[in-house]
């Protein structure tokens, strides 16, 4: 799956292409998370072996944005059988304000629709105004009546 994104920037923009993440690009995905400021747990849930297993089970739900050969954004989705979940959206600072995040979310929604999902959900950690604004602009509605609990067997999970 490939889609192309245009956008404005201070330098002439290079074409952004959205496509699935290949197994040999998982380390680069971790770089994008780090460069974008998204916390990762490389000794736990974000260990390459864990990501490899998840990707193998649902390769269509591991999506990235590429500017030339360089990965500049990433998003992972999951399908719980009732809802599609959009997870781990990250765009490196140099590619922001060019519709990369929006395009990744749209590609994610399309992949989930192909699986029969019509409800798309996102949980945003902490005070992430940029993510909240993006999803509100994309017609996502804040659900204030949901409380999220987590039990972690390790801080790395």
Protein backbone atom coordinates (compact mmCIF):
# COMPACT_ATOMS: atom_id res chain seq x y z
CA UNK A 1 0.00 0.00 0.00
CA UNK A 2 1.42 3.35 -1.02
CA UNK A 3 -0.07 6.81 -0.92
CA UNK A 4 1.53 10.17 -1.65
CA UNK A 5 1.35 13.33 0.45
CA UNK A 6 2.29 16.86 -0.52
CA UNK A 7 2.87 19.80 1.75
CA UNK A 8 4.48 23.15 2.32
CA UNK A 9 7.77 23.67 4.06
CA UNK A 10 10.59 26.19 4.04
CA UNK A 11 12.56 24.18 1.47
CA UNK A 12 11.00 22.64 -1.60
CA UNK A 13 9.07 19.68 -0.21
CA UNK A 14 10.03 16.19 -1.23
CA UNK A 15 7.22 13.80 -1.87
CA UNK A 16 6.06 11.86 1.19
CA UNK A 17 5.00 8.27 0.53
CA UNK A 18 3.00 6.20 3.03
CA UNK A 19 3.69 2.47 2.97
CA UNK A 20 3.89 -0.52 5.26
CA UNK A 21 6.94 -1.00 7.46
CA UNK A 22 9.20 -3.85 6.45
CA UNK A 23 10.82 -6.04 9.09
CA UNK A 24 14.27 -4.58 8.42
CA UNK A 25 12.87 -1.08 9.11
CA UNK A 26 11.80 -1.72 12.72
CA UNK A 27 15.00 -0.17 14.11
CA UNK A 28 14.33 2.93 12.02
CA UNK A 29 10.82 3.04 13.47
CA UNK A 30 12.37 3.23 16.96
CA UNK A 31 14.55 6.11 15.72
CA UNK A 32 11.45 7.99 14.57
CA UNK A 33 9.82 7.50 17.98
CA UNK A 34 12.95 8.76 19.72
CA UNK A 35 13.50 11.73 17.40
CA UNK A 36 9.85 12.75 17.69
CA UNK A 37 9.92 12.59 21.50
CA UNK A 38 7.57 9.61 21.79
CA UNK A 39 8.65 7.45 24.72
CA UNK A 40 9.64 3.91 23.84
CA UNK A 41 10.32 0.84 25.93
CA UNK A 42 13.02 -0.99 23.92
CA UNK A 43 13.58 -3.55 26.71
CA UNK A 44 9.87 -4.35 26.89
CA UNK A 45 6.89 -3.92 24.59
CA UNK A 46 8.98 -2.03 22.02
CA UNK A 47 11.79 -4.59 21.87
CA UNK A 48 12.60 -5.42 18.27
CA UNK A 49 11.58 -9.06 18.78
CA UNK A 50 8.18 -8.00 20.16
CA UNK A 51 7.67 -5.56 17.27
CA UNK A 52 8.71 -8.28 14.82
CA UNK A 53 6.04 -10.65 16.22
CA UNK A 54 3.35 -7.94 16.15
CA UNK A 55 4.26 -6.89 12.62
CA UNK A 56 4.21 -10.48 11.39
CA UNK A 57 0.67 -10.91 12.76
CA UNK A 58 -0.61 -7.70 11.14
CA UNK A 59 1.85 -6.22 8.62
CA UNK A 60 -0.87 -4.05 7.10
CA UNK A 61 -1.20 -2.16 10.40
CA UNK A 62 2.45 -1.03 10.62
CA UNK A 63 2.59 2.13 8.50
CA UNK A 64 5.29 4.70 7.90
CA UNK A 65 5.81 7.92 5.99
CA UNK A 66 8.95 8.16 3.87
CA UNK A 67 10.63 11.20 2.39
CA UNK A 68 12.88 9.61 -0.17
CA UNK A 69 14.48 6.70 1.68
CA UNK A 70 14.17 8.32 5.11
CA UNK A 71 11.34 7.31 7.45
CA UNK A 72 9.84 10.54 8.85
CA UNK A 73 6.67 9.27 10.50
CA UNK A 74 5.11 6.10 11.79
CA UNK A 75 1.83 4.79 13.15
CA UNK A 76 0.77 1.37 14.40
CA UNK A 77 -2.79 0.15 14.49
CA UNK A 78 -4.44 -2.74 16.22
CA UNK A 79 -7.73 -4.47 15.64
CA UNK A 80 -9.53 -5.85 18.69
CA UNK A 81 -12.28 -7.42 16.59
CA UNK A 82 -14.75 -4.61 17.33
CA UNK A 83 -12.74 -1.39 17.10
CA UNK A 84 -9.64 -0.24 15.35
CA UNK A 85 -7.02 1.38 17.57
CA UNK A 86 -4.51 3.94 16.34
CA UNK A 87 -1.30 3.74 18.34
CA UNK A 88 2.18 5.22 18.49
CA UNK A 89 1.70 8.03 15.95
CA UNK A 90 4.95 9.95 15.61
CA UNK A 91 6.34 12.45 13.10
CA UNK A 92 9.91 13.75 13.26
CA UNK A 93 10.15 17.53 13.82
CA UNK A 94 11.43 18.31 10.31
CA UNK A 95 8.36 16.71 8.69
CA UNK A 96 5.69 18.30 10.87
CA UNK A 97 3.13 20.76 9.52
CA UNK A 98 3.11 18.92 6.19
CA UNK A 99 0.04 16.69 6.76
CA UNK A 100 2.22 13.64 7.47
CA UNK A 101 0.41 12.77 10.71
CA UNK A 102 -2.98 13.23 9.09
CA UNK A 103 -1.97 11.08 6.13
CA UNK A 104 -0.71 8.32 8.43
CA UNK A 105 -4.01 8.35 10.34
CA UNK A 106 -6.00 8.26 7.09
CA UNK A 107 -3.92 5.29 5.88
CA UNK A 108 -4.47 3.60 9.23
CA UNK A 109 -8.23 4.13 9.01
CA UNK A 110 -8.23 2.70 5.46
CA UNK A 111 -6.33 -0.41 6.60
CA UNK A 112 -8.78 -0.90 9.47
CA UNK A 113 -11.78 -0.41 7.14
CA UNK A 114 -10.43 -3.18 4.92
CA UNK A 115 -10.62 -5.38 8.04
CA UNK A 116 -14.28 -4.42 8.54
CA UNK A 117 -13.81 -1.86 11.30
CA UNK A 118 -15.91 1.30 11.38
CA UNK A 119 -14.94 2.60 14.82
CA UNK A 120 -11.48 4.13 15.21
CA UNK A 121 -10.08 4.97 18.63
CA UNK A 122 -6.97 6.64 19.97
CA UNK A 123 -5.63 7.15 23.47
CA UNK A 124 -3.37 10.16 23.91
CA UNK A 125 -0.91 10.09 26.78
CA UNK A 126 -0.26 13.15 28.90
CA UNK A 127 -0.67 16.68 27.69
CA UNK A 128 -0.18 16.27 23.96
CA UNK A 129 -2.02 19.27 22.52
CA UNK A 130 -0.71 18.67 18.99
CA UNK A 131 -2.19 15.16 18.88
CA UNK A 132 -5.46 16.31 20.43
CA UNK A 133 -5.75 19.08 17.83
CA UNK A 134 -4.98 16.70 14.96
CA UNK A 135 -7.63 14.18 15.99
CA UNK A 136 -10.24 16.86 16.73
CA UNK A 137 -9.58 18.33 13.27
CA UNK A 138 -10.15 14.85 11.83
CA UNK A 139 -13.60 14.63 13.50
CA UNK A 140 -12.59 12.42 16.42
CA UNK A 141 -14.72 13.14 19.48
CA UNK A 142 -13.28 13.16 22.98
CA UNK A 143 -14.93 10.51 25.16
CA UNK A 144 -14.89 11.96 28.67
CA UNK A 145 -16.89 9.11 30.17
CA UNK A 146 -14.10 6.54 29.73
CA UNK A 147 -11.56 5.90 32.45
CA UNK A 148 -8.42 4.00 31.52
CA UNK A 149 -6.70 1.64 33.95
CA UNK A 150 -3.52 -0.31 33.31
CA UNK A 151 -1.77 -3.04 35.23
CA UNK A 152 1.84 -3.50 34.16
CA UNK A 153 3.86 -6.52 35.14
CA UNK A 154 6.96 -4.46 34.32
CA UNK A 155 7.71 -0.79 33.66
CA UNK A 156 9.11 -1.90 30.30
CA UNK A 157 5.68 -3.04 29.08
